[in-house]
Amino acid sequence: NLGPIPLTRLLSAQTSQLDGDTEQARIHYTAMLENKETEMIAIKGLLIQARQDGDLSKAIFLAEKAFKTRPDAEWAISILTENLYLVGPELC
């Protein structure tokens, strides 16, 4: 149960993202990191933004964080593997 506050933050983050206001979306997602119930959603939102911004090192950092938080998160493993492949051997 996300309750009203976390749900409001999620909707605000996603609305900002759809409106192209990446900075406001980042603010909402970052605030969501403080709540264990919304932490993984926030990590995924920030990770998607990092990938859209072309910031592979940040995307890798966030995918690693997601994997450490929830090792069963298949999307985190998939994105981590994909991003490590994209950066090549210099970071592996």
C-alpha atoms as a PDB file:
ATOM      1  CA  ASN A   1       0.000   0.000   0.000  1.00  0.00           C
ATOM      2  CA  LEU A   2       1.699   3.171  -1.191  1.00  0.00           C
ATOM      3  CA  GLY A   3      -0.727   5.543   0.512  1.00  0.00           C
ATOM      4  CA  PRO A   4      -1.466   9.059  -0.676  1.00  0.00           C
ATOM      5  CA  ILE A   5       1.939  10.784  -0.280  1.00  0.00           C
ATOM      6  CA  PRO A   6       4.143   8.231  -2.102  1.00  0.00           C
ATOM      7  CA  LEU A   7       1.504   7.830  -4.807  1.00  0.00           C
ATOM      8  CA  THR A   8       1.354  11.601  -5.265  1.00  0.00           C
ATOM      9  CA  ARG A   9       5.143  11.750  -5.589  1.00  0.00           C
ATOM     10  CA  LEU A  10       5.133   8.953  -8.145  1.00  0.00           C
ATOM     11  CA  LEU A  11       2.412  10.581 -10.216  1.00  0.00           C
ATOM     12  CA  SER A  12       4.195  13.945 -10.009  1.00  0.00           C
ATOM     13  CA  ALA A  13       7.480  12.376 -11.114  1.00  0.00           C
ATOM     14  CA  GLN A  14       5.884  10.573 -14.031  1.00  0.00           C
ATOM     15  CA  THR A  15       3.898  13.638 -15.082  1.00  0.00           C
ATOM     16  CA  SER A  16       7.048  15.753 -15.022  1.00  0.00           C
ATOM     17  CA  GLN A  17       8.844  13.120 -17.074  1.00  0.00           C
ATOM     18  CA  LEU A  18       6.062  13.038 -19.669  1.00  0.00           C
ATOM     19  CA  ASP A  19       6.075  16.853 -19.819  1.00  0.00           C
ATOM     20  CA  GLY A  20       9.812  16.792 -20.508  1.00  0.00           C
ATOM     21  CA  ASP A  21      10.671  18.456 -17.181  1.00  0.00           C
ATOM     22  CA  THR A  22      13.497  16.102 -16.276  1.00  0.00           C
ATOM     23  CA  GLU A  23      14.773  18.265 -13.429  1.00  0.00           C
ATOM     24  CA  GLN A  24      11.410  18.249 -11.643  1.00  0.00           C
ATOM     25  CA  ALA A  25      11.071  14.498 -12.256  1.00  0.00           C
ATOM     26  CA  ARG A  26      14.552  13.998 -10.780  1.00  0.00           C
ATOM     27  CA  ILE A  27      13.535  15.982  -7.679  1.00  0.00           C
ATOM     28  CA  HIS A  28      10.437  13.822  -7.156  1.00  0.00           C
ATOM     29  CA  TYR A  29      12.281  10.541  -7.751  1.00  0.00           C
ATOM     30  CA  THR A  30      15.094  11.591  -5.408  1.00  0.00           C
ATOM     31  CA  ALA A  31      12.565  12.352  -2.664  1.00  0.00           C
ATOM     32  CA  MET A  32      11.074   8.902  -3.210  1.00  0.00           C
ATOM     33  CA  LEU A  33      14.448   7.268  -2.438  1.00  0.00           C
ATOM     34  CA  GLU A  34      13.891   8.042   1.250  1.00  0.00           C
ATOM     35  CA  ASN A  35      10.887   5.708   1.493  1.00  0.00           C
ATOM     36  CA  LYS A  36      11.528   1.945   1.407  1.00  0.00           C
ATOM     37  CA  GLU A  37       8.151   1.408  -0.304  1.00  0.00           C
ATOM     38  CA  THR A  38       9.051   3.664  -3.228  1.00  0.00           C
ATOM     39  CA  GLU A  39      12.834   3.257  -3.337  1.00  0.00           C
ATOM     40  CA  MET A  40      12.903   0.751  -6.212  1.00  0.00           C
ATOM     41  CA  ILE A  41      10.416   2.768  -8.274  1.00  0.00           C
ATOM     42  CA  ALA A  42      12.588   5.843  -7.698  1.00  0.00           C
ATOM     43  CA  ILE A  43      15.775   4.033  -8.680  1.00  0.00           C
ATOM     44  CA  LYS A  44      14.143   2.774 -11.872  1.00  0.00           C
ATOM     45  CA  GLY A  45      12.841   6.269 -12.725  1.00  0.00           C
ATOM     46  CA  LEU A  46      16.258   7.846 -12.150  1.00  0.00           C
ATOM     47  CA  LEU A  47      17.900   5.043 -14.109  1.00  0.00           C
ATOM     48  CA  ILE A  48      15.617   5.616 -17.084  1.00  0.00           C
ATOM     49  CA  GLN A  49      16.464   9.331 -16.976  1.00  0.00           C
ATOM     50  CA  ALA A  50      20.186   8.605 -16.793  1.00  0.00           C
ATOM     51  CA  ARG A  51      19.939   6.381 -19.850  1.00  0.00           C
ATOM     52  CA  GLN A  52      17.933   9.008 -21.741  1.00  0.00           C
ATOM     53  CA  ASP A  53      20.596  11.576 -20.816  1.00  0.00           C
ATOM     54  CA  GLY A  54      23.303   9.219 -22.105  1.00  0.00           C
ATOM     55  CA  ASP A  55      24.892   8.991 -18.637  1.00  0.00           C
ATOM     56  CA  LEU A  56      25.877   5.326 -18.684  1.00  0.00           C
ATOM     57  CA  SER A  57      28.040   5.494 -15.557  1.00  0.00           C
ATOM     58  CA  LYS A  58      25.088   6.834 -13.553  1.00  0.00           C
ATOM     59  CA  ALA A  59      22.799   4.223 -15.105  1.00  0.00           C
ATOM     60  CA  ILE A  60      25.247   1.480 -14.108  1.00  0.00           C
ATOM     61  CA  PHE A  61      25.511   2.894 -10.572  1.00  0.00           C
ATOM     62  CA  LEU A  62      21.714   2.928 -10.232  1.00  0.00           C
ATOM     63  CA  ALA A  63      21.308  -0.565 -11.708  1.00  0.00           C
ATOM     64  CA  GLU A  64      23.903  -1.856  -9.226  1.00  0.00           C
ATOM     65  CA  LYS A  65      22.028  -0.110  -6.402  1.00  0.00           C
ATOM     66  CA  ALA A  66      18.765  -1.699  -7.539  1.00  0.00           C
ATOM     67  CA  PHE A  67      20.397  -5.124  -7.742  1.00  0.00           C
ATOM     68  CA  LYS A  68      21.905  -4.767  -4.241  1.00  0.00           C
ATOM     69  CA  THR A  69      18.546  -3.639  -2.872  1.00  0.00           C
ATOM     70  CA  ARG A  70      16.537  -6.365  -4.622  1.00  0.00           C
ATOM     71  CA  PRO A  71      18.679  -9.119  -6.175  1.00  0.00           C
ATOM     72  CA  ASP A  72      15.521 -10.650  -7.638  1.00  0.00           C
ATOM     73  CA  ALA A  73      14.767  -7.542  -9.746  1.00  0.00           C
ATOM     74  CA  GLU A  74      15.251  -8.969 -13.242  1.00  0.00           C
ATOM     75  CA  TRP A  75      14.994  -5.528 -14.873  1.00  0.00           C
ATOM     76  CA  ALA A  76      17.991  -4.346 -12.827  1.00  0.00           C
ATOM     77  CA  ILE A  77      20.108  -7.309 -13.917  1.00  0.00           C
ATOM     78  CA  SER A  78      19.076  -6.830 -17.539  1.00  0.00           C
ATOM     79  CA  ILE A  79      19.819  -3.094 -17.571  1.00  0.00           C
ATOM     80  CA  LEU A  80      23.093  -3.557 -15.694  1.00  0.00           C
ATOM     81  CA  THR A  81      24.265  -6.190 -18.166  1.00  0.00           C
ATOM     82  CA  GLU A  82      23.208  -4.090 -21.145  1.00  0.00           C
ATOM     83  CA  ASN A  83      24.958  -0.960 -19.870  1.00  0.00           C
ATOM     84  CA  LEU A  84      28.149  -2.815 -19.008  1.00  0.00           C
ATOM     85  CA  TYR A  85      28.135  -4.196 -22.545  1.00  0.00           C
ATOM     86  CA  LEU A  86      27.698  -0.682 -23.972  1.00  0.00           C
ATOM     87  CA  VAL A  87      30.662   0.799 -22.076  1.00  0.00           C
ATOM     88  CA  GLY A  88      32.892  -2.060 -23.111  1.00  0.00           C
ATOM     89  CA  PRO A  89      35.916  -3.508 -21.382  1.00  0.00           C
ATOM     90  CA  GLU A  90      37.168  -0.234 -19.857  1.00  0.00           C
ATOM     91  CA  LEU A  91      34.756  -0.544 -16.909  1.00  0.00           C
ATOM     92  CA  CYS A  92      34.540  -4.339 -16.689  1.00  0.00           C
END
